[in-house]
Amino acid sequence: MGPDIGLLVVRALLGFVLFAHAAQKLLGWFHGPGLGGATTVFEAMGQRPGRRMAVLASLCELVAAILLALGIATPAGVAVGTGTMLVAGAASTMRSGSRWNTGGGGEYPLVLAVVVATVGFTGPGGYSVDAVLGLATLEADVRVGAIAAVVAIVVAAFPIARTRRELRPETRVARTG
């Protein structure tokens, strides 16, 4: 019972944080920039086209938030949430040249990625839709967590590589020249 409550708290927190990130970008809630400001930020981070990438990241955050908070299709929520936070962390780090949050780096989203991935290894716990459906014990299998983490890393690798290319000095010169 204790671990189940702990997993519920972690899932609820992750769901709220991911929801808030999406709402910041899409709606300007929680002191966020709204879609116009998010578009500018995404462009500066090498995520082009900025508006489309901001909407895509927000939708991924919303999907992950719902799946994780409810504990439904947990491996899918883990893969989407981990992948999205890996891209955010890597893009922030590449843009700023710092890993740390105080330097504009991706420390915070990278920590979120690891915490979300951890849920993939533990499963959603007893207080989840997956548990009601009888899937929670299956999802607590280490192989399921590993598969969700690998899917997240593979999917995130493409936008991370694209960001790296976009942020190269010669690419910036070509865009502005």
N, C-alpha and C. Protein backbone atom coordinates (compact mmCIF):
# COMPACT_ATOMS: atom_id res chain seq x y z
N MET A 1 0.82 -1.20 0.00
CA MET A 1 0.00 0.00 0.00
C MET A 1 0.86 1.26 0.00
N GLY A 2 1.92 1.31 0.83
CA GLY A 2 2.80 2.48 0.88
C GLY A 2 3.44 2.82 -0.45
N PRO A 3 4.05 1.81 -1.12
CA PRO A 3 4.64 2.12 -2.44
C PRO A 3 3.60 2.60 -3.44
N ASP A 4 2.39 2.05 -3.37
CA ASP A 4 1.34 2.47 -4.29
C ASP A 4 0.99 3.95 -4.10
N ILE A 5 0.92 4.39 -2.85
CA ILE A 5 0.64 5.80 -2.57
C ILE A 5 1.79 6.67 -3.06
N GLY A 6 3.02 6.22 -2.83
CA GLY A 6 4.19 6.96 -3.31
C GLY A 6 4.18 7.10 -4.81
N LEU A 7 3.85 6.03 -5.52
CA LEU A 7 3.79 6.10 -6.99
C LEU A 7 2.66 7.01 -7.45
N LEU A 8 1.54 6.99 -6.75
CA LEU A 8 0.44 7.89 -7.08
C LEU A 8 0.88 9.34 -6.94
N VAL A 9 1.57 9.66 -5.86
CA VAL A 9 2.05 11.03 -5.64
C VAL A 9 3.03 11.44 -6.74
N VAL A 10 3.97 10.56 -7.07
CA VAL A 10 4.94 10.88 -8.11
C VAL A 10 4.24 11.06 -9.45
N ARG A 11 3.32 10.17 -9.78
CA ARG A 11 2.59 10.29 -11.05
C ARG A 11 1.77 11.57 -11.10
N ALA A 12 1.11 11.91 -10.00
CA ALA A 12 0.31 13.14 -9.95
C ALA A 12 1.19 14.37 -10.12
N LEU A 13 2.34 14.38 -9.45
CA LEU A 13 3.27 15.51 -9.58
C LEU A 13 3.77 15.64 -11.01
N LEU A 14 4.21 14.53 -11.60
CA LEU A 14 4.68 14.56 -12.99
C LEU A 14 3.57 15.01 -13.93
N GLY A 15 2.37 14.51 -13.71
CA GLY A 15 1.24 14.91 -14.54
C GLY A 15 0.99 16.40 -14.46
N PHE A 16 1.04 16.94 -13.24
CA PHE A 16 0.81 18.38 -13.08
C PHE A 16 1.93 19.20 -13.74
N VAL A 17 3.17 18.81 -13.51
CA VAL A 17 4.30 19.57 -14.08
C VAL A 17 4.26 19.54 -15.60
N LEU A 18 4.00 18.38 -16.18
CA LEU A 18 3.94 18.30 -17.64
C LEU A 18 2.75 19.08 -18.19
N PHE A 19 1.61 19.02 -17.49
CA PHE A 19 0.45 19.83 -17.89
C PHE A 19 0.80 21.31 -17.83
N ALA A 20 1.45 21.74 -16.75
CA ALA A 20 1.81 23.15 -16.59
C ALA A 20 2.76 23.59 -17.69
N HIS A 21 3.73 22.76 -18.05
CA HIS A 21 4.65 23.10 -19.14
C HIS A 21 3.89 23.33 -20.44
N ALA A 22 2.95 22.45 -20.74
CA ALA A 22 2.16 22.60 -21.95
C ALA A 22 1.31 23.87 -21.89
N ALA A 23 0.68 24.12 -20.76
CA ALA A 23 -0.18 25.30 -20.60
C ALA A 23 0.63 26.59 -20.69
N GLN A 24 1.87 26.57 -20.21
CA GLN A 24 2.74 27.75 -20.34
C GLN A 24 2.94 28.09 -21.81
N LYS A 25 3.24 27.08 -22.59
CA LYS A 25 3.54 27.31 -24.00
C LYS A 25 2.29 27.63 -24.82
N LEU A 26 1.24 26.90 -24.59
CA LEU A 26 0.05 27.07 -25.43
C LEU A 26 -0.82 28.24 -25.01
N LEU A 27 -0.96 28.44 -23.70
CA LEU A 27 -1.95 29.40 -23.19
C LEU A 27 -1.37 30.56 -22.40
N GLY A 28 -0.08 30.51 -22.09
CA GLY A 28 0.52 31.56 -21.28
C GLY A 28 0.20 31.43 -19.80
N TRP A 29 -0.37 30.30 -19.39
CA TRP A 29 -0.66 30.08 -17.97
C TRP A 29 0.62 29.86 -17.20
N PHE A 30 0.56 29.95 -15.89
CA PHE A 30 1.69 29.69 -14.99
C PHE A 30 2.90 30.55 -15.38
N HIS A 31 2.66 31.79 -15.72
CA HIS A 31 3.71 32.75 -16.10
C HIS A 31 4.45 32.33 -17.36
N GLY A 32 3.78 31.60 -18.24
CA GLY A 32 4.41 31.13 -19.47
C GLY A 32 4.34 32.18 -20.57
N PRO A 33 5.06 31.92 -21.66
CA PRO A 33 5.14 32.90 -22.74
C PRO A 33 3.97 32.87 -23.71
N GLY A 34 3.11 31.84 -23.64
CA GLY A 34 2.07 31.68 -24.65
C GLY A 34 2.69 31.18 -25.94
N LEU A 35 1.86 30.91 -26.92
CA LEU A 35 2.34 30.31 -28.16
C LEU A 35 3.29 31.22 -28.93
N GLY A 36 3.01 32.51 -28.95
CA GLY A 36 3.91 33.44 -29.65
C GLY A 36 5.29 33.47 -29.03
N GLY A 37 5.35 33.59 -27.72
CA GLY A 37 6.64 33.60 -27.04
C GLY A 37 7.34 32.25 -27.13
N ALA A 38 6.57 31.17 -27.02
CA ALA A 38 7.16 29.83 -27.12
C ALA A 38 7.74 29.61 -28.50
N THR A 39 7.07 30.14 -29.52
CA THR A 39 7.59 30.02 -30.88
C THR A 39 8.98 30.65 -30.98
N THR A 40 9.14 31.82 -30.41
CA THR A 40 10.43 32.51 -30.41
C THR A 40 11.49 31.70 -29.67
N VAL A 41 11.12 31.18 -28.51
CA VAL A 41 12.05 30.37 -27.72
C VAL A 41 12.46 29.12 -28.48
N PHE A 42 11.51 28.45 -29.09
CA PHE A 42 11.81 27.23 -29.83
C PHE A 42 12.72 27.52 -31.03
N GLU A 43 12.46 28.60 -31.71
CA GLU A 43 13.34 29.00 -32.83
C GLU A 43 14.77 29.22 -32.34
N ALA A 44 14.91 29.92 -31.21
CA ALA A 44 16.24 30.21 -30.66
C ALA A 44 16.94 28.93 -30.21
N MET A 45 16.18 27.91 -29.85
CA MET A 45 16.78 26.64 -29.43
C MET A 45 17.03 25.70 -30.60
N GLY A 46 16.82 26.17 -31.81
CA GLY A 46 17.06 25.32 -32.97
C GLY A 46 15.92 24.38 -33.29
N GLN A 47 14.78 24.60 -32.67
CA GLN A 47 13.59 23.77 -32.91
C GLN A 47 12.74 24.47 -33.97
N ARG A 48 12.97 24.12 -35.22
CA ARG A 48 12.30 24.81 -36.33
C ARG A 48 11.42 23.85 -37.12
N PRO A 49 10.29 24.32 -37.60
CA PRO A 49 9.69 25.63 -37.38
C PRO A 49 9.18 25.76 -35.94
N GLY A 50 9.47 26.88 -35.35
CA GLY A 50 9.24 27.09 -33.93
C GLY A 50 7.80 26.89 -33.48
N ARG A 51 6.86 27.41 -34.21
CA ARG A 51 5.45 27.29 -33.81
C ARG A 51 5.01 25.82 -33.83
N ARG A 52 5.33 25.14 -34.90
CA ARG A 52 4.94 23.74 -35.02
C ARG A 52 5.61 22.89 -33.93
N MET A 53 6.86 23.16 -33.66
CA MET A 53 7.58 22.39 -32.65
C MET A 53 7.05 22.70 -31.24
N ALA A 54 6.67 23.95 -30.99
CA ALA A 54 6.11 24.31 -29.68
C ALA A 54 4.77 23.61 -29.47
N VAL A 55 3.95 23.57 -30.51
CA VAL A 55 2.66 22.88 -30.41
C VAL A 55 2.89 21.37 -30.23
N LEU A 56 3.81 20.80 -30.99
CA LEU A 56 4.09 19.37 -30.87
C LEU A 56 4.60 19.02 -29.47
N ALA A 57 5.53 19.80 -28.95
CA ALA A 57 6.05 19.56 -27.60
C ALA A 57 4.94 19.67 -26.57
N SER A 58 4.08 20.67 -26.73
CA SER A 58 2.97 20.86 -25.78
C SER A 58 1.99 19.70 -25.83
N LEU A 59 1.67 19.24 -27.02
CA LEU A 59 0.76 18.10 -27.14
C LEU A 59 1.37 16.84 -26.53
N CYS A 60 2.66 16.64 -26.74
CA CYS A 60 3.35 15.49 -26.13
C CYS A 60 3.30 15.60 -24.60
N GLU A 61 3.53 16.80 -24.09
CA GLU A 61 3.47 17.00 -22.64
C GLU A 61 2.06 16.74 -22.11
N LEU A 62 1.05 17.17 -22.83
CA LEU A 62 -0.34 16.94 -22.40
C LEU A 62 -0.69 15.46 -22.40
N VAL A 63 -0.30 14.75 -23.45
CA VAL A 63 -0.58 13.31 -23.52
C VAL A 63 0.13 12.59 -22.38
N ALA A 64 1.41 12.89 -22.19
CA ALA A 64 2.17 12.25 -21.11
C ALA A 64 1.55 12.59 -19.75
N ALA A 65 1.14 13.84 -19.56
CA ALA A 65 0.54 14.26 -18.29
C ALA A 65 -0.70 13.45 -17.98
N ILE A 66 -1.56 13.30 -18.95
CA ILE A 66 -2.82 12.56 -18.73
C ILE A 66 -2.54 11.09 -18.46
N LEU A 67 -1.70 10.47 -19.30
CA LEU A 67 -1.42 9.04 -19.14
C LEU A 67 -0.74 8.75 -17.81
N LEU A 68 0.22 9.59 -17.43
CA LEU A 68 0.93 9.36 -16.17
C LEU A 68 0.05 9.64 -14.96
N ALA A 69 -0.68 10.74 -14.98
CA ALA A 69 -1.51 11.09 -13.82
C ALA A 69 -2.57 10.04 -13.56
N LEU A 70 -3.18 9.52 -14.61
CA LEU A 70 -4.22 8.51 -14.44
C LEU A 70 -3.65 7.11 -14.30
N GLY A 71 -2.40 6.93 -14.70
CA GLY A 71 -1.81 5.59 -14.67
C GLY A 71 -2.48 4.69 -15.69
N ILE A 72 -2.68 5.23 -16.88
CA ILE A 72 -3.30 4.46 -17.97
C ILE A 72 -2.31 4.42 -19.13
N ALA A 73 -2.13 3.23 -19.70
CA ALA A 73 -1.14 3.06 -20.77
C ALA A 73 0.19 3.66 -20.32
N THR A 74 0.58 3.30 -19.12
CA THR A 74 1.74 3.91 -18.48
C THR A 74 3.01 3.83 -19.31
N PRO A 75 3.33 2.69 -19.95
CA PRO A 75 4.56 2.67 -20.76
C PRO A 75 4.54 3.71 -21.89
N ALA A 76 3.38 3.94 -22.48
CA ALA A 76 3.28 4.96 -23.53
C ALA A 76 3.50 6.35 -22.94
N GLY A 77 2.90 6.62 -21.79
CA GLY A 77 3.11 7.90 -21.12
C GLY A 77 4.56 8.12 -20.75
N VAL A 78 5.21 7.04 -20.31
CA VAL A 78 6.63 7.12 -19.96
C VAL A 78 7.46 7.43 -21.20
N ALA A 79 7.20 6.74 -22.29
CA ALA A 79 7.98 6.96 -23.52
C ALA A 79 7.80 8.39 -24.03
N VAL A 80 6.56 8.87 -24.07
CA VAL A 80 6.29 10.22 -24.57
C VAL A 80 6.90 11.27 -23.63
N GLY A 81 6.67 11.13 -22.34
CA GLY A 81 7.19 12.11 -21.37
C GLY A 81 8.70 12.12 -21.32
N THR A 82 9.32 10.95 -21.29
CA THR A 82 10.78 10.88 -21.25
C THR A 82 11.39 11.47 -22.51
N GLY A 83 10.86 11.09 -23.65
CA GLY A 83 11.39 11.61 -24.91
C GLY A 83 11.28 13.12 -25.02
N THR A 84 10.13 13.65 -24.64
CA THR A 84 9.91 15.09 -24.73
C THR A 84 10.86 15.85 -23.80
N MET A 85 11.05 15.35 -22.60
CA MET A 85 11.95 16.02 -21.66
C MET A 85 13.42 15.85 -22.06
N LEU A 86 13.76 14.74 -22.69
CA LEU A 86 15.14 14.59 -23.21
C LEU A 86 15.43 15.64 -24.27
N VAL A 87 14.48 15.85 -25.17
CA VAL A 87 14.67 16.86 -26.22
C VAL A 87 14.77 18.25 -25.60
N ALA A 88 13.89 18.56 -24.65
CA ALA A 88 13.93 19.88 -23.99
C ALA A 88 15.25 20.09 -23.27
N GLY A 89 15.70 19.07 -22.54
CA GLY A 89 16.95 19.20 -21.80
C GLY A 89 18.15 19.34 -22.71
N ALA A 90 18.19 18.52 -23.76
CA ALA A 90 19.32 18.57 -24.69
C ALA A 90 19.35 19.90 -25.43
N ALA A 91 18.19 20.36 -25.90
CA ALA A 91 18.14 21.63 -26.64
C ALA A 91 18.56 22.80 -25.75
N SER A 92 18.09 22.82 -24.52
CA SER A 92 18.47 23.90 -23.60
C SER A 92 19.97 23.88 -23.33
N THR A 93 20.51 22.68 -23.13
CA THR A 93 21.94 22.54 -22.84
C THR A 93 22.78 22.96 -24.04
N MET A 94 22.39 22.52 -25.24
CA MET A 94 23.16 22.88 -26.44
C MET A 94 23.11 24.38 -26.70
N ARG A 95 21.94 24.97 -26.51
CA ARG A 95 21.80 26.41 -26.77
C ARG A 95 22.63 27.23 -25.79
N SER A 96 22.60 26.87 -24.51
CA SER A 96 23.25 27.69 -23.49
C SER A 96 24.72 27.33 -23.28
N GLY A 97 25.09 26.11 -23.63
CA GLY A 97 26.45 25.66 -23.36
C GLY A 97 26.64 25.26 -21.90
N SER A 98 25.55 25.19 -21.15
CA SER A 98 25.61 24.82 -19.73
C SER A 98 24.60 23.71 -19.46
N ARG A 99 24.97 22.79 -18.60
CA ARG A 99 24.02 21.75 -18.20
C ARG A 99 23.08 22.25 -17.11
N TRP A 100 23.49 23.24 -16.39
CA TRP A 100 22.79 23.65 -15.17
C TRP A 100 21.70 24.66 -15.46
N ASN A 101 20.61 24.53 -14.72
CA ASN A 101 19.45 25.39 -14.87
C ASN A 101 19.80 26.86 -14.71
N THR A 102 20.67 27.17 -13.76
CA THR A 102 21.03 28.57 -13.52
C THR A 102 21.74 29.19 -14.72
N GLY A 103 22.36 28.37 -15.55
CA GLY A 103 23.03 28.86 -16.76
C GLY A 103 22.18 28.70 -18.01
N GLY A 104 20.89 28.41 -17.84
CA GLY A 104 20.01 28.22 -18.98
C GLY A 104 20.05 26.82 -19.56
N GLY A 105 20.70 25.91 -18.84
CA GLY A 105 20.86 24.55 -19.33
C GLY A 105 19.66 23.67 -19.06
N GLY A 106 19.82 22.41 -19.42
CA GLY A 106 18.71 21.47 -19.38
C GLY A 106 18.63 20.60 -18.16
N GLU A 107 19.26 21.00 -17.07
CA GLU A 107 19.25 20.19 -15.84
C GLU A 107 17.82 19.77 -15.45
N TYR A 108 16.91 20.71 -15.35
CA TYR A 108 15.56 20.43 -14.86
C TYR A 108 14.80 19.46 -15.77
N PRO A 109 14.70 19.72 -17.09
CA PRO A 109 13.97 18.73 -17.90
C PRO A 109 14.68 17.38 -17.96
N LEU A 110 16.00 17.36 -17.83
CA LEU A 110 16.70 16.07 -17.82
C LEU A 110 16.38 15.28 -16.55
N VAL A 111 16.28 15.97 -15.42
CA VAL A 111 15.87 15.30 -14.18
C VAL A 111 14.43 14.78 -14.33
N LEU A 112 13.56 15.59 -14.92
CA LEU A 112 12.19 15.13 -15.16
C LEU A 112 12.19 13.88 -16.04
N ALA A 113 13.03 13.85 -17.07
CA ALA A 113 13.10 12.69 -17.96
C ALA A 113 13.47 11.43 -17.17
N VAL A 114 14.42 11.55 -16.27
CA VAL A 114 14.84 10.39 -15.48
C VAL A 114 13.73 9.94 -14.53
N VAL A 115 13.05 10.90 -13.90
CA VAL A 115 11.96 10.53 -12.98
C VAL A 115 10.81 9.88 -13.75
N VAL A 116 10.47 10.42 -14.90
CA VAL A 116 9.41 9.81 -15.72
C VAL A 116 9.84 8.40 -16.13
N ALA A 117 11.08 8.24 -16.58
CA ALA A 117 11.58 6.92 -16.98
C ALA A 117 11.52 5.94 -15.82
N THR A 118 11.77 6.41 -14.61
CA THR A 118 11.74 5.54 -13.44
C THR A 118 10.35 4.92 -13.25
N VAL A 119 9.31 5.68 -13.55
CA VAL A 119 7.95 5.13 -13.46
C VAL A 119 7.79 3.95 -14.41
N GLY A 120 8.51 3.99 -15.52
CA GLY A 120 8.47 2.86 -16.45
C GLY A 120 9.02 1.59 -15.85
N PHE A 121 9.98 1.71 -14.94
CA PHE A 121 10.56 0.53 -14.31
C PHE A 121 9.75 0.04 -13.10
N THR A 122 9.03 0.94 -12.46
CA THR A 122 8.26 0.55 -11.28
C THR A 122 6.83 0.15 -11.63
N GLY A 123 6.33 0.64 -12.74
CA GLY A 123 4.92 0.49 -13.06
C GLY A 123 4.13 1.59 -12.36
N PRO A 124 2.85 1.71 -12.65
CA PRO A 124 2.06 2.82 -12.13
C PRO A 124 1.61 2.65 -10.69
N GLY A 125 1.71 1.45 -10.14
CA GLY A 125 1.23 1.21 -8.78
C GLY A 125 -0.22 0.80 -8.76
N GLY A 126 -0.69 0.48 -7.56
CA GLY A 126 -2.04 -0.05 -7.38
C GLY A 126 -3.15 0.96 -7.59
N TYR A 127 -2.85 2.25 -7.42
CA TYR A 127 -3.87 3.29 -7.59
C TYR A 127 -3.76 3.87 -8.99
N SER A 128 -4.15 3.08 -9.97
CA SER A 128 -4.05 3.50 -11.36
C SER A 128 -5.11 2.79 -12.18
N VAL A 129 -5.43 3.36 -13.31
CA VAL A 129 -6.37 2.70 -14.23
C VAL A 129 -5.76 1.39 -14.71
N ASP A 130 -4.47 1.38 -14.96
CA ASP A 130 -3.81 0.15 -15.39
C ASP A 130 -3.98 -0.97 -14.36
N ALA A 131 -3.94 -0.63 -13.07
CA ALA A 131 -4.13 -1.65 -12.03
C ALA A 131 -5.56 -2.19 -12.08
N VAL A 132 -6.52 -1.31 -12.29
CA VAL A 132 -7.92 -1.74 -12.38
C VAL A 132 -8.09 -2.70 -13.57
N LEU A 133 -7.35 -2.43 -14.64
CA LEU A 133 -7.43 -3.27 -15.84
C LEU A 133 -6.55 -4.52 -15.74
N GLY A 134 -5.80 -4.65 -14.64
CA GLY A 134 -4.94 -5.81 -14.45
C GLY A 134 -3.60 -5.72 -15.18
N LEU A 135 -3.20 -4.53 -15.57
CA LEU A 135 -1.96 -4.35 -16.33
C LEU A 135 -0.79 -3.86 -15.49
N ALA A 136 -1.03 -3.44 -14.27
CA ALA A 136 0.02 -2.80 -13.47
C ALA A 136 1.16 -3.75 -13.15
N THR A 137 0.89 -5.01 -12.89
CA THR A 137 1.98 -5.93 -12.57
C THR A 137 2.81 -6.23 -13.81
N LEU A 138 2.17 -6.34 -14.95
CA LEU A 138 2.90 -6.54 -16.20
C LEU A 138 3.82 -5.35 -16.46
N GLU A 139 3.30 -4.14 -16.22
CA GLU A 139 4.07 -2.94 -16.51
C GLU A 139 5.21 -2.72 -15.53
N ALA A 140 5.18 -3.37 -14.38
CA ALA A 140 6.26 -3.22 -13.41
C ALA A 140 7.48 -4.05 -13.80
N ASP A 141 7.38 -4.80 -14.87
CA ASP A 141 8.48 -5.61 -15.37
C ASP A 141 9.60 -4.70 -15.89
N VAL A 142 10.82 -5.03 -15.51
CA VAL A 142 11.98 -4.22 -15.91
C VAL A 142 12.09 -4.13 -17.43
N ARG A 143 11.71 -5.19 -18.11
CA ARG A 143 11.79 -5.16 -19.58
C ARG A 143 10.87 -4.11 -20.18
N VAL A 144 9.69 -3.93 -19.59
CA VAL A 144 8.75 -2.91 -20.08
C VAL A 144 9.34 -1.52 -19.88
N GLY A 145 9.93 -1.29 -18.71
CA GLY A 145 10.57 0.00 -18.46
C GLY A 145 11.73 0.24 -19.41
N ALA A 146 12.51 -0.79 -19.66
CA ALA A 146 13.65 -0.65 -20.58
C ALA A 146 13.17 -0.35 -21.99
N ILE A 147 12.13 -1.04 -22.42
CA ILE A 147 11.61 -0.79 -23.77
C ILE A 147 11.08 0.64 -23.88
N ALA A 148 10.33 1.10 -22.88
CA ALA A 148 9.81 2.48 -22.90
C ALA A 148 10.95 3.49 -22.94
N ALA A 149 12.01 3.24 -22.16
CA ALA A 149 13.16 4.16 -22.14
C ALA A 149 13.88 4.15 -23.48
N VAL A 150 14.07 2.98 -24.07
CA VAL A 150 14.75 2.89 -25.37
C VAL A 150 13.93 3.59 -26.45
N VAL A 151 12.62 3.38 -26.45
CA VAL A 151 11.76 4.07 -27.43
C VAL A 151 11.91 5.58 -27.27
N ALA A 152 11.89 6.07 -26.04
CA ALA A 152 12.03 7.51 -25.79
C ALA A 152 13.37 8.03 -26.32
N ILE A 153 14.44 7.31 -26.05
CA ILE A 153 15.77 7.75 -26.48
C ILE A 153 15.88 7.74 -28.00
N VAL A 154 15.38 6.69 -28.63
CA VAL A 154 15.46 6.61 -30.09
C VAL A 154 14.65 7.72 -30.75
N VAL A 155 13.44 7.92 -30.26
CA VAL A 155 12.60 8.98 -30.84
C VAL A 155 13.20 10.36 -30.58
N ALA A 156 13.73 10.58 -29.40
CA ALA A 156 14.33 11.88 -29.06
C ALA A 156 15.61 12.14 -29.83
N ALA A 157 16.29 11.10 -30.26
CA ALA A 157 17.58 11.27 -30.96
C ALA A 157 17.43 12.10 -32.23
N PHE A 158 16.32 11.96 -32.93
CA PHE A 158 16.14 12.69 -34.18
C PHE A 158 16.03 14.20 -33.97
N PRO A 159 15.11 14.67 -33.11
CA PRO A 159 15.07 16.12 -32.89
C PRO A 159 16.32 16.66 -32.20
N ILE A 160 16.97 15.85 -31.38
CA ILE A 160 18.21 16.32 -30.74
C ILE A 160 19.29 16.51 -31.79
N ALA A 161 19.42 15.56 -32.72
CA ALA A 161 20.41 15.70 -33.80
C ALA A 161 20.09 16.91 -34.68
N ARG A 162 18.83 17.10 -34.94
CA ARG A 162 18.40 18.25 -35.75
C ARG A 162 18.73 19.57 -35.04
N THR A 163 18.50 19.60 -33.73
CA THR A 163 18.83 20.79 -32.94
C THR A 163 20.32 21.07 -33.00
N ARG A 164 21.12 20.03 -32.83
CA ARG A 164 22.58 20.18 -32.88
C ARG A 164 22.99 20.79 -34.22
N ARG A 165 22.40 20.28 -35.29
CA ARG A 165 22.72 20.80 -36.62
C ARG A 165 22.29 22.26 -36.76
N GLU A 166 21.10 22.58 -36.27
CA GLU A 166 20.57 23.95 -36.39
C GLU A 166 21.37 24.96 -35.56
N LEU A 167 21.96 24.51 -34.47
CA LEU A 167 22.68 25.43 -33.59
C LEU A 167 24.17 25.55 -33.93
N ARG A 168 24.64 24.82 -34.92
CA ARG A 168 26.03 24.97 -35.35
C ARG A 168 26.25 26.38 -35.87
N PRO A 169 27.40 26.96 -35.61
CA PRO A 169 27.67 28.32 -36.07
C PRO A 169 27.50 28.50 -37.58
N GLU A 170 27.94 27.53 -38.38
CA GLU A 170 27.82 27.69 -39.83
C GLU A 170 26.37 27.65 -40.28
N THR A 171 25.51 26.94 -39.57
CA THR A 171 24.08 26.90 -39.90
C THR A 171 23.44 28.24 -39.55
N ARG A 172 23.84 28.81 -38.41
CA ARG A 172 23.30 30.13 -38.00
C ARG A 172 23.68 31.19 -39.02
N VAL A 173 24.94 31.18 -39.46
CA VAL A 173 25.42 32.17 -40.44
C VAL A 173 24.64 32.02 -41.74
N ALA A 174 24.45 30.79 -42.19
CA ALA A 174 23.71 30.55 -43.43
C ALA A 174 22.28 31.05 -43.33
N ARG A 175 21.66 30.92 -42.16
CA ARG A 175 20.28 31.38 -41.97
C ARG A 175 20.19 32.90 -41.96
N THR A 176 21.18 33.55 -41.35
CA THR A 176 21.12 35.01 -41.25
C THR A 176 21.76 35.70 -42.44
N GLY A 177 22.63 35.01 -43.15
CA GLY A 177 23.37 35.61 -44.26
C GLY A 177 22.61 35.58 -45.47
